[in-house]
Amino acid sequence: MNNPEKSASGIAYPDDLALLKRVYDRICQERGISAGSAEAEQLAARAMDLFGMGIFEEDALYKNLSTGS
């Protein structure tokens, strides 16, 4: 990945954080997950894990988080 605004090292830049939050918020809303709950924390941790593994695309993150937890 050669885009300087996206990190192959797993570092989350502001646009990456916005993407992660957008996917996280969507799944929380769909599942009725309350902010601050254990389930919300697990979802956030899983999102960061996926990002750290190099999954940077919104659709891929959503699909993995929707089916993976």
PDB file of N, CA and C in Angstrom:
ATOM      1  N   MET A   1       0.848  -1.165   0.000  1.00  0.00           N
ATOM      2  CA  MET A   1       0.000   0.000   0.000  1.00  0.00           C
ATOM      3  C   MET A   1       0.896   1.231   0.000  1.00  0.00           C
ATOM      4  N   ASN A   2       0.827   2.011  -1.027  1.00  0.00           N
ATOM      5  CA  ASN A   2       1.716   3.155  -1.169  1.00  0.00           C
ATOM      6  C   ASN A   2       1.065   4.490  -0.871  1.00  0.00           C
ATOM      7  N   ASN A   3      -0.143   4.523  -0.424  1.00  0.00           N
ATOM      8  CA  ASN A   3      -0.825   5.762  -0.085  1.00  0.00           C
ATOM      9  C   ASN A   3      -0.234   6.309   1.211  1.00  0.00           C
ATOM     10  N   PRO A   4       0.365   7.516   1.192  1.00  0.00           N
ATOM     11  CA  PRO A   4       0.996   8.040   2.400  1.00  0.00           C
ATOM     12  C   PRO A   4       0.010   8.356   3.515  1.00  0.00           C
ATOM     13  N   GLU A   5      -1.277   8.425   3.208  1.00  0.00           N
ATOM     14  CA  GLU A   5      -2.279   8.702   4.233  1.00  0.00           C
ATOM     15  C   GLU A   5      -2.792   7.427   4.885  1.00  0.00           C
ATOM     16  N   LYS A   6      -2.376   6.289   4.388  1.00  0.00           N
ATOM     17  CA  LYS A   6      -2.755   4.999   4.955  1.00  0.00           C
ATOM     18  C   LYS A   6      -1.494   4.291   5.391  1.00  0.00           C
ATOM     19  N   SER A   7      -1.530   3.684   6.536  1.00  0.00           N
ATOM     20  CA  SER A   7      -0.326   3.101   7.095  1.00  0.00           C
ATOM     21  C   SER A   7      -0.292   1.590   6.957  1.00  0.00           C
ATOM     22  N   ALA A   8       0.751   1.098   6.366  1.00  0.00           N
ATOM     23  CA  ALA A   8       0.973  -0.348   6.325  1.00  0.00           C
ATOM     24  C   ALA A   8       1.521  -0.835   7.659  1.00  0.00           C
ATOM     25  N   SER A   9       1.929   0.087   8.526  1.00  0.00           N
ATOM     26  CA  SER A   9       2.507  -0.286   9.819  1.00  0.00           C
ATOM     27  C   SER A   9       1.456  -0.456  10.900  1.00  0.00           C
ATOM     28  N   GLY A  10       0.194  -0.156  10.585  1.00  0.00           N
ATOM     29  CA  GLY A  10      -0.854  -0.274  11.598  1.00  0.00           C
ATOM     30  C   GLY A  10      -1.094   1.006  12.361  1.00  0.00           C
ATOM     31  N   ILE A  11      -0.368   2.065  12.031  1.00  0.00           N
ATOM     32  CA  ILE A  11      -0.591   3.354  12.683  1.00  0.00           C
ATOM     33  C   ILE A  11      -1.873   3.950  12.117  1.00  0.00           C
ATOM     34  N   ALA A  12      -2.771   4.386  12.977  1.00  0.00           N
ATOM     35  CA  ALA A  12      -4.044   4.943  12.533  1.00  0.00           C
ATOM     36  C   ALA A  12      -3.938   6.465  12.448  1.00  0.00           C
ATOM     37  N   TYR A  13      -4.105   6.974  11.250  1.00  0.00           N
ATOM     38  CA  TYR A  13      -4.130   8.411  11.014  1.00  0.00           C
ATOM     39  C   TYR A  13      -5.558   8.923  11.211  1.00  0.00           C
ATOM     40  N   PRO A  14      -5.774  10.235  11.264  1.00  0.00           N
ATOM     41  CA  PRO A  14      -7.122  10.770  11.511  1.00  0.00           C
ATOM     42  C   PRO A  14      -8.197  10.211  10.575  1.00  0.00           C
ATOM     43  N   ASP A  15      -7.904  10.091   9.287  1.00  0.00           N
ATOM     44  CA  ASP A  15      -8.888   9.522   8.364  1.00  0.00           C
ATOM     45  C   ASP A  15      -9.172   8.056   8.686  1.00  0.00           C
ATOM     46  N   ASP A  16      -8.160   7.335   9.141  1.00  0.00           N
ATOM     47  CA  ASP A  16      -8.340   5.937   9.525  1.00  0.00           C
ATOM     48  C   ASP A  16      -9.239   5.843  10.752  1.00  0.00           C
ATOM     49  N   LEU A  17      -9.007   6.716  11.719  1.00  0.00           N
ATOM     50  CA  LEU A  17      -9.825   6.717  12.931  1.00  0.00           C
ATOM     51  C   LEU A  17     -11.279   7.044  12.609  1.00  0.00           C
ATOM     52  N   ALA A  18     -11.498   7.976  11.687  1.00  0.00           N
ATOM     53  CA  ALA A  18     -12.859   8.321  11.269  1.00  0.00           C
ATOM     54  C   ALA A  18     -13.534   7.111  10.617  1.00  0.00           C
ATOM     55  N   LEU A  19     -12.784   6.394   9.795  1.00  0.00           N
ATOM     56  CA  LEU A  19     -13.306   5.187   9.154  1.00  0.00           C
ATOM     57  C   LEU A  19     -13.660   4.136  10.201  1.00  0.00           C
ATOM     58  N   LEU A  20     -12.750   3.889  11.127  1.00  0.00           N
ATOM     59  CA  LEU A  20     -12.995   2.902  12.180  1.00  0.00           C
ATOM     60  C   LEU A  20     -14.215   3.288  13.013  1.00  0.00           C
ATOM     61  N   LYS A  21     -14.335   4.557  13.341  1.00  0.00           N
ATOM     62  CA  LYS A  21     -15.480   5.020  14.133  1.00  0.00           C
ATOM     63  C   LYS A  21     -16.780   4.879  13.358  1.00  0.00           C
ATOM     64  N   ARG A  22     -16.749   5.172  12.074  1.00  0.00           N
ATOM     65  CA  ARG A  22     -17.947   5.057  11.244  1.00  0.00           C
ATOM     66  C   ARG A  22     -18.448   3.605  11.223  1.00  0.00           C
ATOM     67  N   VAL A  23     -17.536   2.668  11.027  1.00  0.00           N
ATOM     68  CA  VAL A  23     -17.908   1.251  10.998  1.00  0.00           C
ATOM     69  C   VAL A  23     -18.379   0.807  12.384  1.00  0.00           C
ATOM     70  N   TYR A  24     -17.645   1.196  13.402  1.00  0.00           N
ATOM     71  CA  TYR A  24     -17.996   0.864  14.790  1.00  0.00           C
ATOM     72  C   TYR A  24     -19.395   1.391  15.129  1.00  0.00           C
ATOM     73  N   ASP A  25     -19.651   2.661  14.833  1.00  0.00           N
ATOM     74  CA  ASP A  25     -20.949   3.266  15.135  1.00  0.00           C
ATOM     75  C   ASP A  25     -22.079   2.558  14.401  1.00  0.00           C
ATOM     76  N   ARG A  26     -21.839   2.206  13.155  1.00  0.00           N
ATOM     77  CA  ARG A  26     -22.861   1.520  12.358  1.00  0.00           C
ATOM     78  C   ARG A  26     -23.231   0.177  12.980  1.00  0.00           C
ATOM     79  N   ILE A  27     -22.219  -0.579  13.368  1.00  0.00           N
ATOM     80  CA  ILE A  27     -22.483  -1.891  13.952  1.00  0.00           C
ATOM     81  C   ILE A  27     -23.148  -1.745  15.323  1.00  0.00           C
ATOM     82  N   CYS A  28     -22.696  -0.794  16.114  1.00  0.00           N
ATOM     83  CA  CYS A  28     -23.332  -0.567  17.420  1.00  0.00           C
ATOM     84  C   CYS A  28     -24.812  -0.228  17.248  1.00  0.00           C
ATOM     85  N   GLN A  29     -25.113   0.627  16.286  1.00  0.00           N
ATOM     86  CA  GLN A  29     -26.504   1.009  16.041  1.00  0.00           C
ATOM     87  C   GLN A  29     -27.324  -0.203  15.575  1.00  0.00           C
ATOM     88  N   GLU A  30     -26.781  -0.965  14.643  1.00  0.00           N
ATOM     89  CA  GLU A  30     -27.497  -2.129  14.121  1.00  0.00           C
ATOM     90  C   GLU A  30     -27.770  -3.181  15.190  1.00  0.00           C
ATOM     91  N   ARG A  31     -26.826  -3.333  16.099  1.00  0.00           N
ATOM     92  CA  ARG A  31     -26.947  -4.371  17.134  1.00  0.00           C
ATOM     93  C   ARG A  31     -27.510  -3.847  18.449  1.00  0.00           C
ATOM     94  N   GLY A  32     -27.701  -2.553  18.553  1.00  0.00           N
ATOM     95  CA  GLY A  32     -28.184  -1.981  19.806  1.00  0.00           C
ATOM     96  C   GLY A  32     -27.156  -2.074  20.918  1.00  0.00           C
ATOM     97  N   ILE A  33     -25.886  -1.935  20.567  1.00  0.00           N
ATOM     98  CA  ILE A  33     -24.798  -2.019  21.540  1.00  0.00           C
ATOM     99  C   ILE A  33     -24.647  -0.664  22.229  1.00  0.00           C
ATOM    100  N   SER A  34     -24.665  -0.661  23.546  1.00  0.00           N
ATOM    101  CA  SER A  34     -24.531   0.569  24.319  1.00  0.00           C
ATOM    102  C   SER A  34     -23.078   0.995  24.433  1.00  0.00           C
ATOM    103  N   ALA A  35     -22.852   2.303  24.294  1.00  0.00           N
ATOM    104  CA  ALA A  35     -21.504   2.857  24.473  1.00  0.00           C
ATOM    105  C   ALA A  35     -21.003   2.519  25.868  1.00  0.00           C
ATOM    106  N   GLY A  36     -19.757   2.122  25.959  1.00  0.00           N
ATOM    107  CA  GLY A  36     -19.149   1.811  27.249  1.00  0.00           C
ATOM    108  C   GLY A  36     -19.402   0.400  27.745  1.00  0.00           C
ATOM    109  N   SER A  37     -20.230  -0.352  27.032  1.00  0.00           N
ATOM    110  CA  SER A  37     -20.510  -1.721  27.457  1.00  0.00           C
ATOM    111  C   SER A  37     -19.325  -2.627  27.111  1.00  0.00           C
ATOM    112  N   ALA A  38     -19.308  -3.790  27.724  1.00  0.00           N
ATOM    113  CA  ALA A  38     -18.250  -4.760  27.427  1.00  0.00           C
ATOM    114  C   ALA A  38     -18.288  -5.148  25.958  1.00  0.00           C
ATOM    115  N   GLU A  39     -19.479  -5.285  25.390  1.00  0.00           N
ATOM    116  CA  GLU A  39     -19.600  -5.644  23.978  1.00  0.00           C
ATOM    117  C   GLU A  39     -19.034  -4.541  23.077  1.00  0.00           C
ATOM    118  N   ALA A  40     -19.266  -3.276  23.458  1.00  0.00           N
ATOM    119  CA  ALA A  40     -18.723  -2.148  22.694  1.00  0.00           C
ATOM    120  C   ALA A  40     -17.200  -2.147  22.760  1.00  0.00           C
ATOM    121  N   GLU A  41     -16.652  -2.412  23.920  1.00  0.00           N
ATOM    122  CA  GLU A  41     -15.200  -2.468  24.071  1.00  0.00           C
ATOM    123  C   GLU A  41     -14.603  -3.591  23.229  1.00  0.00           C
ATOM    124  N   GLN A  42     -15.258  -4.742  23.220  1.00  0.00           N
ATOM    125  CA  GLN A  42     -14.775  -5.869  22.417  1.00  0.00           C
ATOM    126  C   GLN A  42     -14.826  -5.548  20.927  1.00  0.00           C
ATOM    127  N   LEU A  43     -15.889  -4.881  20.501  1.00  0.00           N
ATOM    128  CA  LEU A  43     -16.022  -4.488  19.105  1.00  0.00           C
ATOM    129  C   LEU A  43     -14.916  -3.511  18.711  1.00  0.00           C
ATOM    130  N   ALA A  44     -14.653  -2.527  19.566  1.00  0.00           N
ATOM    131  CA  ALA A  44     -13.598  -1.548  19.284  1.00  0.00           C
ATOM    132  C   ALA A  44     -12.227  -2.225  19.209  1.00  0.00           C
ATOM    133  N   ALA A  45     -11.975  -3.127  20.132  1.00  0.00           N
ATOM    134  CA  ALA A  45     -10.693  -3.841  20.136  1.00  0.00           C
ATOM    135  C   ALA A  45     -10.552  -4.696  18.874  1.00  0.00           C
ATOM    136  N   ARG A  46     -11.631  -5.340  18.478  1.00  0.00           N
ATOM    137  CA  ARG A  46     -11.590  -6.169  17.257  1.00  0.00           C
ATOM    138  C   ARG A  46     -11.339  -5.299  16.023  1.00  0.00           C
ATOM    139  N   ALA A  47     -11.971  -4.119  15.974  1.00  0.00           N
ATOM    140  CA  ALA A  47     -11.765  -3.203  14.848  1.00  0.00           C
ATOM    141  C   ALA A  47     -10.295  -2.800  14.758  1.00  0.00           C
ATOM    142  N   MET A  48      -9.692  -2.476  15.883  1.00  0.00           N
ATOM    143  CA  MET A  48      -8.282  -2.092  15.880  1.00  0.00           C
ATOM    144  C   MET A  48      -7.393  -3.274  15.509  1.00  0.00           C
ATOM    145  N   ASP A  49      -7.754  -4.475  15.958  1.00  0.00           N
ATOM    146  CA  ASP A  49      -6.990  -5.669  15.583  1.00  0.00           C
ATOM    147  C   ASP A  49      -7.010  -5.871  14.074  1.00  0.00           C
ATOM    148  N   LEU A  50      -8.191  -5.758  13.484  1.00  0.00           N
ATOM    149  CA  LEU A  50      -8.312  -5.920  12.033  1.00  0.00           C
ATOM    150  C   LEU A  50      -7.498  -4.860  11.306  1.00  0.00           C
ATOM    151  N   PHE A  51      -7.577  -3.627  11.774  1.00  0.00           N
ATOM    152  CA  PHE A  51      -6.804  -2.544  11.174  1.00  0.00           C
ATOM    153  C   PHE A  51      -5.310  -2.862  11.272  1.00  0.00           C
ATOM    154  N   GLY A  52      -4.883  -3.322  12.425  1.00  0.00           N
ATOM    155  CA  GLY A  52      -3.485  -3.674  12.630  1.00  0.00           C
ATOM    156  C   GLY A  52      -3.020  -4.817  11.748  1.00  0.00           C
ATOM    157  N   MET A  53      -3.967  -5.659  11.318  1.00  0.00           N
ATOM    158  CA  MET A  53      -3.638  -6.769  10.417  1.00  0.00           C
ATOM    159  C   MET A  53      -3.641  -6.326   8.959  1.00  0.00           C
ATOM    160  N   GLY A  54      -3.924  -5.039   8.731  1.00  0.00           N
ATOM    161  CA  GLY A  54      -3.870  -4.519   7.374  1.00  0.00           C
ATOM    162  C   GLY A  54      -5.198  -4.431   6.653  1.00  0.00           C
ATOM    163  N   ILE A  55      -6.291  -4.576   7.377  1.00  0.00           N
ATOM    164  CA  ILE A  55      -7.607  -4.437   6.755  1.00  0.00           C
ATOM    165  C   ILE A  55      -8.004  -2.969   6.880  1.00  0.00           C
ATOM    166  N   PHE A  56      -7.881  -2.237   5.759  1.00  0.00           N
ATOM    167  CA  PHE A  56      -8.083  -0.793   5.742  1.00  0.00           C
ATOM    168  C   PHE A  56      -9.360  -0.364   5.026  1.00  0.00           C
ATOM    169  N   GLU A  57      -9.984  -1.266   4.285  1.00  0.00           N
ATOM    170  CA  GLU A  57     -11.161  -0.913   3.494  1.00  0.00           C
ATOM    171  C   GLU A  57     -12.423  -0.982   4.349  1.00  0.00           C
ATOM    172  N   GLU A  58     -13.281   0.008   4.196  1.00  0.00           N
ATOM    173  CA  GLU A  58     -14.501   0.095   5.013  1.00  0.00           C
ATOM    174  C   GLU A  58     -15.382  -1.142   4.869  1.00  0.00           C
ATOM    175  N   ASP A  59     -15.624  -1.579   3.645  1.00  0.00           N
ATOM    176  CA  ASP A  59     -16.485  -2.747   3.431  1.00  0.00           C
ATOM    177  C   ASP A  59     -15.899  -4.003   4.070  1.00  0.00           C
ATOM    178  N   ALA A  60     -14.602  -4.165   3.954  1.00  0.00           N
ATOM    179  CA  ALA A  60     -13.951  -5.347   4.540  1.00  0.00           C
ATOM    180  C   ALA A  60     -14.007  -5.302   6.072  1.00  0.00           C
ATOM    181  N   LEU A  61     -13.778  -4.136   6.637  1.00  0.00           N
ATOM    182  CA  LEU A  61     -13.884  -4.001   8.089  1.00  0.00           C
ATOM    183  C   LEU A  61     -15.299  -4.327   8.558  1.00  0.00           C
ATOM    184  N   TYR A  62     -16.279  -3.737   7.880  1.00  0.00           N
ATOM    185  CA  TYR A  62     -17.671  -3.963   8.255  1.00  0.00           C
ATOM    186  C   TYR A  62     -18.019  -5.444   8.164  1.00  0.00           C
ATOM    187  N   LYS A  63     -17.657  -6.067   7.072  1.00  0.00           N
ATOM    188  CA  LYS A  63     -17.983  -7.477   6.878  1.00  0.00           C
ATOM    189  C   LYS A  63     -17.335  -8.340   7.961  1.00  0.00           C
ATOM    190  N   ASN A  64     -16.063  -8.095   8.244  1.00  0.00           N
ATOM    191  CA  ASN A  64     -15.353  -8.860   9.266  1.00  0.00           C
ATOM    192  C   ASN A  64     -15.945  -8.639  10.654  1.00  0.00           C
ATOM    193  N   LEU A  65     -16.278  -7.414  10.971  1.00  0.00           N
ATOM    194  CA  LEU A  65     -16.835  -7.117  12.284  1.00  0.00           C
ATOM    195  C   LEU A  65     -18.277  -7.595  12.419  1.00  0.00           C
ATOM    196  N   SER A  66     -19.016  -7.579  11.330  1.00  0.00           N
ATOM    197  CA  SER A  66     -20.407  -8.023  11.365  1.00  0.00           C
ATOM    198  C   SER A  66     -20.522  -9.518  11.564  1.00  0.00           C
ATOM    199  N   THR A  67     -19.600 -10.245  10.989  1.00  0.00           N
ATOM    200  CA  THR A  67     -19.685 -11.711  11.055  1.00  0.00           C
ATOM    201  C   THR A  67     -18.732 -12.307  12.077  1.00  0.00           C
ATOM    202  N   GLY A  68     -17.722 -11.517  12.492  1.00  0.00           N
ATOM    203  CA  GLY A  68     -16.679 -12.068  13.334  1.00  0.00           C
ATOM    204  C   GLY A  68     -16.893 -11.949  14.823  1.00  0.00           C
ATOM    205  N   SER A  69     -17.954 -11.266  15.257  1.00  0.00           N
ATOM    206  CA  SER A  69     -18.135 -11.149  16.716  1.00  0.00           C
ATOM    207  C   SER A  69     -19.569 -11.294  17.100  1.00  0.00           C
TER     208      SER A  69
END
